[in-house]
Amino acid sequence: MSGGAERVGITPRSWTAKLHHGVLHLGKRWYVVSAELDDEGEADGVRLDGPFGDRPSAEEQARRLGLAE
């Protein structure tokens, strides 16, 4: 996103240029989404793991992935 364009999308502004994990609810299932974000908020290497039956299970997996870094 060069040229001074505003970043759009759902990426939290607090995320920095490193690997991040979060949970996502799609339909009746929960997933862990992982991505490496650069300083401009652009994602690379987006990965979706799951499905998980409930939010706590997905959040636990996201924590495990975050600790493995």
PDB file of N, CA and C in Angstrom:
ATOM      1  N   MET A   1       0.842  -1.170   0.000  1.00  0.00           N
ATOM      2  CA  MET A   1       0.000   0.000   0.000  1.00  0.00           C
ATOM      3  C   MET A   1       0.889   1.236   0.000  1.00  0.00           C
ATOM      4  N   SER A   2       1.492   1.477  -1.074  1.00  0.00           N
ATOM      5  CA  SER A   2       2.349   2.642  -1.175  1.00  0.00           C
ATOM      6  C   SER A   2       1.567   3.812  -1.725  1.00  0.00           C
ATOM      7  N   GLY A   3       2.214   4.983  -1.752  1.00  0.00           N
ATOM      8  CA  GLY A   3       1.574   6.151  -2.309  1.00  0.00           C
ATOM      9  C   GLY A   3       0.637   6.848  -1.348  1.00  0.00           C
ATOM     10  N   GLY A   4       0.732   6.533  -0.036  1.00  0.00           N
ATOM     11  CA  GLY A   4      -0.076   7.219   0.950  1.00  0.00           C
ATOM     12  C   GLY A   4      -1.519   6.769   1.025  1.00  0.00           C
ATOM     13  N   ALA A   5      -1.855   5.681   0.382  1.00  0.00           N
ATOM     14  CA  ALA A   5      -3.237   5.181   0.429  1.00  0.00           C
ATOM     15  C   ALA A   5      -3.544   4.672   1.827  1.00  0.00           C
ATOM     16  N   GLU A   6      -4.788   4.866   2.258  1.00  0.00           N
ATOM     17  CA  GLU A   6      -5.192   4.349   3.558  1.00  0.00           C
ATOM     18  C   GLU A   6      -5.330   2.847   3.505  1.00  0.00           C
ATOM     19  N   ARG A   7      -4.955   2.206   4.584  1.00  0.00           N
ATOM     20  CA  ARG A   7      -5.115   0.764   4.677  1.00  0.00           C
ATOM     21  C   ARG A   7      -6.585   0.458   4.907  1.00  0.00           C
ATOM     22  N   VAL A   8      -7.085  -0.570   4.242  1.00  0.00           N
ATOM     23  CA  VAL A   8      -8.482  -0.973   4.406  1.00  0.00           C
ATOM     24  C   VAL A   8      -8.522  -2.425   4.833  1.00  0.00           C
ATOM     25  N   GLY A   9      -9.641  -2.853   5.339  1.00  0.00           N
ATOM     26  CA  GLY A   9      -9.785  -4.246   5.738  1.00  0.00           C
ATOM     27  C   GLY A   9     -10.020  -4.367   7.220  1.00  0.00           C
ATOM     28  N   ILE A  10      -9.844  -5.598   7.745  1.00  0.00           N
ATOM     29  CA  ILE A  10     -10.162  -5.866   9.138  1.00  0.00           C
ATOM     30  C   ILE A  10      -8.921  -6.076   9.990  1.00  0.00           C
ATOM     31  N   THR A  11      -7.743  -5.779   9.475  1.00  0.00           N
ATOM     32  CA  THR A  11      -6.508  -5.996  10.205  1.00  0.00           C
ATOM     33  C   THR A  11      -6.385  -4.989  11.340  1.00  0.00           C
ATOM     34  N   PRO A  12      -6.227  -5.454  12.579  1.00  0.00           N
ATOM     35  CA  PRO A  12      -6.062  -4.511  13.688  1.00  0.00           C
ATOM     36  C   PRO A  12      -4.810  -3.657  13.514  1.00  0.00           C
ATOM     37  N   ARG A  13      -4.917  -2.362  13.773  1.00  0.00           N
ATOM     38  CA  ARG A  13      -3.786  -1.454  13.626  1.00  0.00           C
ATOM     39  C   ARG A  13      -2.673  -1.760  14.618  1.00  0.00           C
ATOM     40  N   SER A  14      -2.985  -2.459  15.710  1.00  0.00           N
ATOM     41  CA  SER A  14      -1.976  -2.770  16.714  1.00  0.00           C
ATOM     42  C   SER A  14      -1.039  -3.880  16.267  1.00  0.00           C
ATOM     43  N   TRP A  15      -1.379  -4.625  15.220  1.00  0.00           N
ATOM     44  CA  TRP A  15      -0.513  -5.692  14.746  1.00  0.00           C
ATOM     45  C   TRP A  15       0.723  -5.090  14.094  1.00  0.00           C
ATOM     46  N   THR A  16       1.866  -5.677  14.329  1.00  0.00           N
ATOM     47  CA  THR A  16       3.123  -5.192  13.767  1.00  0.00           C
ATOM     48  C   THR A  16       3.644  -6.178  12.732  1.00  0.00           C
ATOM     49  N   ALA A  17       4.806  -5.885  12.170  1.00  0.00           N
ATOM     50  CA  ALA A  17       5.370  -6.711  11.101  1.00  0.00           C
ATOM     51  C   ALA A  17       5.944  -8.008  11.673  1.00  0.00           C
ATOM     52  N   LYS A  18       5.084  -8.901  12.081  1.00  0.00           N
ATOM     53  CA  LYS A  18       5.471 -10.226  12.536  1.00  0.00           C
ATOM     54  C   LYS A  18       4.262 -11.138  12.407  1.00  0.00           C
ATOM     55  N   LEU A  19       4.424 -12.388  12.794  1.00  0.00           N
ATOM     56  CA  LEU A  19       3.346 -13.363  12.670  1.00  0.00           C
ATOM     57  C   LEU A  19       2.307 -13.143  13.765  1.00  0.00           C
ATOM     58  N   HIS A  20       1.043 -13.124  13.380  1.00  0.00           N
ATOM     59  CA  HIS A  20      -0.069 -12.919  14.303  1.00  0.00           C
ATOM     60  C   HIS A  20      -1.096 -14.027  14.137  1.00  0.00           C
ATOM     61  N   HIS A  21      -1.822 -14.294  15.223  1.00  0.00           N
ATOM     62  CA  HIS A  21      -2.856 -15.321  15.226  1.00  0.00           C
ATOM     63  C   HIS A  21      -4.120 -14.741  15.837  1.00  0.00           C
ATOM     64  N   GLY A  22      -5.247 -15.115  15.303  1.00  0.00           N
ATOM     65  CA  GLY A  22      -6.523 -14.699  15.849  1.00  0.00           C
ATOM     66  C   GLY A  22      -7.566 -15.751  15.552  1.00  0.00           C
ATOM     67  N   VAL A  23      -8.769 -15.553  16.070  1.00  0.00           N
ATOM     68  CA  VAL A  23      -9.851 -16.505  15.819  1.00  0.00           C
ATOM     69  C   VAL A  23     -10.902 -15.861  14.923  1.00  0.00           C
ATOM     70  N   LEU A  24     -11.543 -16.697  14.140  1.00  0.00           N
ATOM     71  CA  LEU A  24     -12.525 -16.249  13.161  1.00  0.00           C
ATOM     72  C   LEU A  24     -13.712 -17.205  13.198  1.00  0.00           C
ATOM     73  N   HIS A  25     -14.916 -16.646  13.224  1.00  0.00           N
ATOM     74  CA  HIS A  25     -16.129 -17.459  13.239  1.00  0.00           C
ATOM     75  C   HIS A  25     -16.746 -17.459  11.843  1.00  0.00           C
ATOM     76  N   LEU A  26     -16.852 -18.630  11.252  1.00  0.00           N
ATOM     77  CA  LEU A  26     -17.461 -18.787   9.931  1.00  0.00           C
ATOM     78  C   LEU A  26     -18.529 -19.857  10.031  1.00  0.00           C
ATOM     79  N   GLY A  27     -19.744 -19.482   9.761  1.00  0.00           N
ATOM     80  CA  GLY A  27     -20.832 -20.450   9.866  1.00  0.00           C
ATOM     81  C   GLY A  27     -21.002 -20.888  11.298  1.00  0.00           C
ATOM     82  N   LYS A  28     -20.928 -22.179  11.539  1.00  0.00           N
ATOM     83  CA  LYS A  28     -21.085 -22.717  12.893  1.00  0.00           C
ATOM     84  C   LYS A  28     -19.757 -23.162  13.484  1.00  0.00           C
ATOM     85  N   ARG A  29     -18.664 -22.823  12.857  1.00  0.00           N
ATOM     86  CA  ARG A  29     -17.345 -23.283  13.293  1.00  0.00           C
ATOM     87  C   ARG A  29     -16.414 -22.115  13.568  1.00  0.00           C
ATOM     88  N   TRP A  30     -15.379 -22.391  14.342  1.00  0.00           N
ATOM     89  CA  TRP A  30     -14.334 -21.416  14.652  1.00  0.00           C
ATOM     90  C   TRP A  30     -13.035 -21.864  14.001  1.00  0.00           C
ATOM     91  N   TYR A  31     -12.254 -20.897  13.546  1.00  0.00           N
ATOM     92  CA  TYR A  31     -10.976 -21.152  12.884  1.00  0.00           C
ATOM     93  C   TYR A  31      -9.908 -20.259  13.495  1.00  0.00           C
ATOM     94  N   VAL A  32      -8.652 -20.691  13.359  1.00  0.00           N
ATOM     95  CA  VAL A  32      -7.515 -19.851  13.729  1.00  0.00           C
ATOM     96  C   VAL A  32      -6.929 -19.318  12.435  1.00  0.00           C
ATOM     97  N   VAL A  33      -6.840 -17.999  12.341  1.00  0.00           N
ATOM     98  CA  VAL A  33      -6.235 -17.375  11.175  1.00  0.00           C
ATOM     99  C   VAL A  33      -4.870 -16.839  11.587  1.00  0.00           C
ATOM    100  N   SER A  34      -3.865 -17.116  10.770  1.00  0.00           N
ATOM    101  CA  SER A  34      -2.500 -16.676  11.024  1.00  0.00           C
ATOM    102  C   SER A  34      -1.988 -15.938   9.802  1.00  0.00           C
ATOM    103  N   ALA A  35      -1.221 -14.882  10.026  1.00  0.00           N
ATOM    104  CA  ALA A  35      -0.649 -14.135   8.911  1.00  0.00           C
ATOM    105  C   ALA A  35       0.543 -13.330   9.388  1.00  0.00           C
ATOM    106  N   GLU A  36       1.484 -13.119   8.492  1.00  0.00           N
ATOM    107  CA  GLU A  36       2.589 -12.209   8.752  1.00  0.00           C
ATOM    108  C   GLU A  36       2.225 -10.876   8.125  1.00  0.00           C
ATOM    109  N   LEU A  37       2.238  -9.824   8.930  1.00  0.00           N
ATOM    110  CA  LEU A  37       1.850  -8.504   8.457  1.00  0.00           C
ATOM    111  C   LEU A  37       3.059  -7.598   8.409  1.00  0.00           C
ATOM    112  N   ASP A  38       3.163  -6.813   7.323  1.00  0.00           N
ATOM    113  CA  ASP A  38       4.264  -5.859   7.229  1.00  0.00           C
ATOM    114  C   ASP A  38       3.856  -4.549   7.904  1.00  0.00           C
ATOM    115  N   ASP A  39       4.762  -3.568   7.873  1.00  0.00           N
ATOM    116  CA  ASP A  39       4.522  -2.287   8.542  1.00  0.00           C
ATOM    117  C   ASP A  39       3.335  -1.526   7.973  1.00  0.00           C
ATOM    118  N   GLU A  40       2.933  -1.855   6.759  1.00  0.00           N
ATOM    119  CA  GLU A  40       1.796  -1.172   6.139  1.00  0.00           C
ATOM    120  C   GLU A  40       0.492  -1.944   6.334  1.00  0.00           C
ATOM    121  N   GLY A  41       0.544  -3.057   7.060  1.00  0.00           N
ATOM    122  CA  GLY A  41      -0.655  -3.838   7.329  1.00  0.00           C
ATOM    123  C   GLY A  41      -1.017  -4.837   6.249  1.00  0.00           C
ATOM    124  N   GLU A  42      -0.129  -5.038   5.284  1.00  0.00           N
ATOM    125  CA  GLU A  42      -0.405  -6.010   4.234  1.00  0.00           C
ATOM    126  C   GLU A  42      -0.012  -7.400   4.713  1.00  0.00           C
ATOM    127  N   ALA A  43      -0.881  -8.375   4.459  1.00  0.00           N
ATOM    128  CA  ALA A  43      -0.684  -9.739   4.938  1.00  0.00           C
ATOM    129  C   ALA A  43       0.025 -10.591   3.897  1.00  0.00           C
ATOM    130  N   ASP A  44       0.875 -11.492   4.402  1.00  0.00           N
ATOM    131  CA  ASP A  44       1.564 -12.457   3.560  1.00  0.00           C
ATOM    132  C   ASP A  44       1.505 -13.797   4.291  1.00  0.00           C
ATOM    133  N   GLY A  45       1.366 -14.860   3.558  1.00  0.00           N
ATOM    134  CA  GLY A  45       1.351 -16.184   4.171  1.00  0.00           C
ATOM    135  C   GLY A  45       0.153 -16.421   5.061  1.00  0.00           C
ATOM    136  N   VAL A  46      -1.011 -16.014   4.631  1.00  0.00           N
ATOM    137  CA  VAL A  46      -2.228 -16.198   5.426  1.00  0.00           C
ATOM    138  C   VAL A  46      -2.576 -17.685   5.474  1.00  0.00           C
ATOM    139  N   ARG A  47      -2.909 -18.150   6.673  1.00  0.00           N
ATOM    140  CA  ARG A  47      -3.219 -19.564   6.881  1.00  0.00           C
ATOM    141  C   ARG A  47      -4.470 -19.672   7.744  1.00  0.00           C
ATOM    142  N   LEU A  48      -5.314 -20.635   7.444  1.00  0.00           N
ATOM    143  CA  LEU A  48      -6.531 -20.880   8.201  1.00  0.00           C
ATOM    144  C   LEU A  48      -6.482 -22.307   8.728  1.00  0.00           C
ATOM    145  N   ASP A  49      -6.529 -22.474  10.046  1.00  0.00           N
ATOM    146  CA  ASP A  49      -6.508 -23.796  10.680  1.00  0.00           C
ATOM    147  C   ASP A  49      -7.852 -24.068  11.336  1.00  0.00           C
ATOM    148  N   GLY A  50      -8.288 -25.291  11.275  1.00  0.00           N
ATOM    149  CA  GLY A  50      -9.545 -25.667  11.913  1.00  0.00           C
ATOM    150  C   GLY A  50     -10.296 -26.618  11.015  1.00  0.00           C
ATOM    151  N   PRO A  51     -11.546 -26.798  11.260  1.00  0.00           N
ATOM    152  CA  PRO A  51     -12.391 -26.028  12.176  1.00  0.00           C
ATOM    153  C   PRO A  51     -12.311 -26.538  13.611  1.00  0.00           C
ATOM    154  N   PHE A  52     -12.713 -25.669  14.531  1.00  0.00           N
ATOM    155  CA  PHE A  52     -12.833 -25.990  15.940  1.00  0.00           C
ATOM    156  C   PHE A  52     -14.308 -25.847  16.315  1.00  0.00           C
ATOM    157  N   GLY A  53     -14.768 -26.663  17.233  1.00  0.00           N
ATOM    158  CA  GLY A  53     -16.174 -26.697  17.589  1.00  0.00           C
ATOM    159  C   GLY A  53     -16.651 -25.509  18.398  1.00  0.00           C
ATOM    160  N   ASP A  54     -15.708 -24.826  19.093  1.00  0.00           N
ATOM    161  CA  ASP A  54     -16.105 -23.691  19.915  1.00  0.00           C
ATOM    162  C   ASP A  54     -14.968 -22.678  19.991  1.00  0.00           C
ATOM    163  N   ARG A  55     -15.305 -21.487  20.445  1.00  0.00           N
ATOM    164  CA  ARG A  55     -14.321 -20.396  20.513  1.00  0.00           C
ATOM    165  C   ARG A  55     -13.168 -20.702  21.469  1.00  0.00           C
ATOM    166  N   PRO A  56     -13.430 -21.233  22.679  1.00  0.00           N
ATOM    167  CA  PRO A  56     -12.298 -21.519  23.575  1.00  0.00           C
ATOM    168  C   PRO A  56     -11.266 -22.476  22.966  1.00  0.00           C
ATOM    169  N   SER A  57     -11.721 -23.468  22.215  1.00  0.00           N
ATOM    170  CA  SER A  57     -10.788 -24.399  21.568  1.00  0.00           C
ATOM    171  C   SER A  57      -9.935 -23.682  20.527  1.00  0.00           C
ATOM    172  N   ALA A  58     -10.552 -22.816  19.746  1.00  0.00           N
ATOM    173  CA  ALA A  58      -9.812 -22.056  18.736  1.00  0.00           C
ATOM    174  C   ALA A  58      -8.830 -21.089  19.396  1.00  0.00           C
ATOM    175  N   GLU A  59      -9.252 -20.429  20.479  1.00  0.00           N
ATOM    176  CA  GLU A  59      -8.359 -19.499  21.175  1.00  0.00           C
ATOM    177  C   GLU A  59      -7.174 -20.222  21.791  1.00  0.00           C
ATOM    178  N   GLU A  60      -7.394 -21.423  22.318  1.00  0.00           N
ATOM    179  CA  GLU A  60      -6.291 -22.207  22.877  1.00  0.00           C
ATOM    180  C   GLU A  60      -5.282 -22.565  21.787  1.00  0.00           C
ATOM    181  N   GLN A  61      -5.755 -22.949  20.614  1.00  0.00           N
ATOM    182  CA  GLN A  61      -4.854 -23.252  19.501  1.00  0.00           C
ATOM    183  C   GLN A  61      -4.083 -22.001  19.074  1.00  0.00           C
ATOM    184  N   ALA A  62      -4.744 -20.860  19.033  1.00  0.00           N
ATOM    185  CA  ALA A  62      -4.061 -19.608  18.679  1.00  0.00           C
ATOM    186  C   ALA A  62      -2.968 -19.305  19.694  1.00  0.00           C
ATOM    187  N   ARG A  63      -3.229 -19.542  20.984  1.00  0.00           N
ATOM    188  CA  ARG A  63      -2.201 -19.328  22.024  1.00  0.00           C
ATOM    189  C   ARG A  63      -1.035 -20.277  21.819  1.00  0.00           C
ATOM    190  N   ARG A  64      -1.333 -21.539  21.526  1.00  0.00           N
ATOM    191  CA  ARG A  64      -0.253 -22.512  21.298  1.00  0.00           C
ATOM    192  C   ARG A  64       0.607 -22.097  20.110  1.00  0.00           C
ATOM    193  N   LEU A  65      -0.025 -21.653  19.041  1.00  0.00           N
ATOM    194  CA  LEU A  65       0.731 -21.205  17.866  1.00  0.00           C
ATOM    195  C   LEU A  65       1.590 -19.997  18.201  1.00  0.00           C
ATOM    196  N   GLY A  66       1.068 -19.086  18.996  1.00  0.00           N
ATOM    197  CA  GLY A  66       1.816 -17.898  19.401  1.00  0.00           C
ATOM    198  C   GLY A  66       3.004 -18.237  20.279  1.00  0.00           C
ATOM    199  N   LEU A  67       2.881 -19.264  21.111  1.00  0.00           N
ATOM    200  CA  LEU A  67       3.991 -19.669  21.977  1.00  0.00           C
ATOM    201  C   LEU A  67       5.067 -20.414  21.201  1.00  0.00           C
ATOM    202  N   ALA A  68       4.700 -21.009  20.077  1.00  0.00           N
ATOM    203  CA  ALA A  68       5.651 -21.782  19.279  1.00  0.00           C
ATOM    204  C   ALA A  68       6.598 -20.891  18.477  1.00  0.00           C
ATOM    205  N   GLU A  69       6.301 -19.616  18.403  1.00  0.00           N
ATOM    206  CA  GLU A  69       7.159 -18.707  17.614  1.00  0.00           C
ATOM    207  C   GLU A  69       8.494 -18.494  18.258  1.00  0.00           C
TER     208      GLU A  69
END
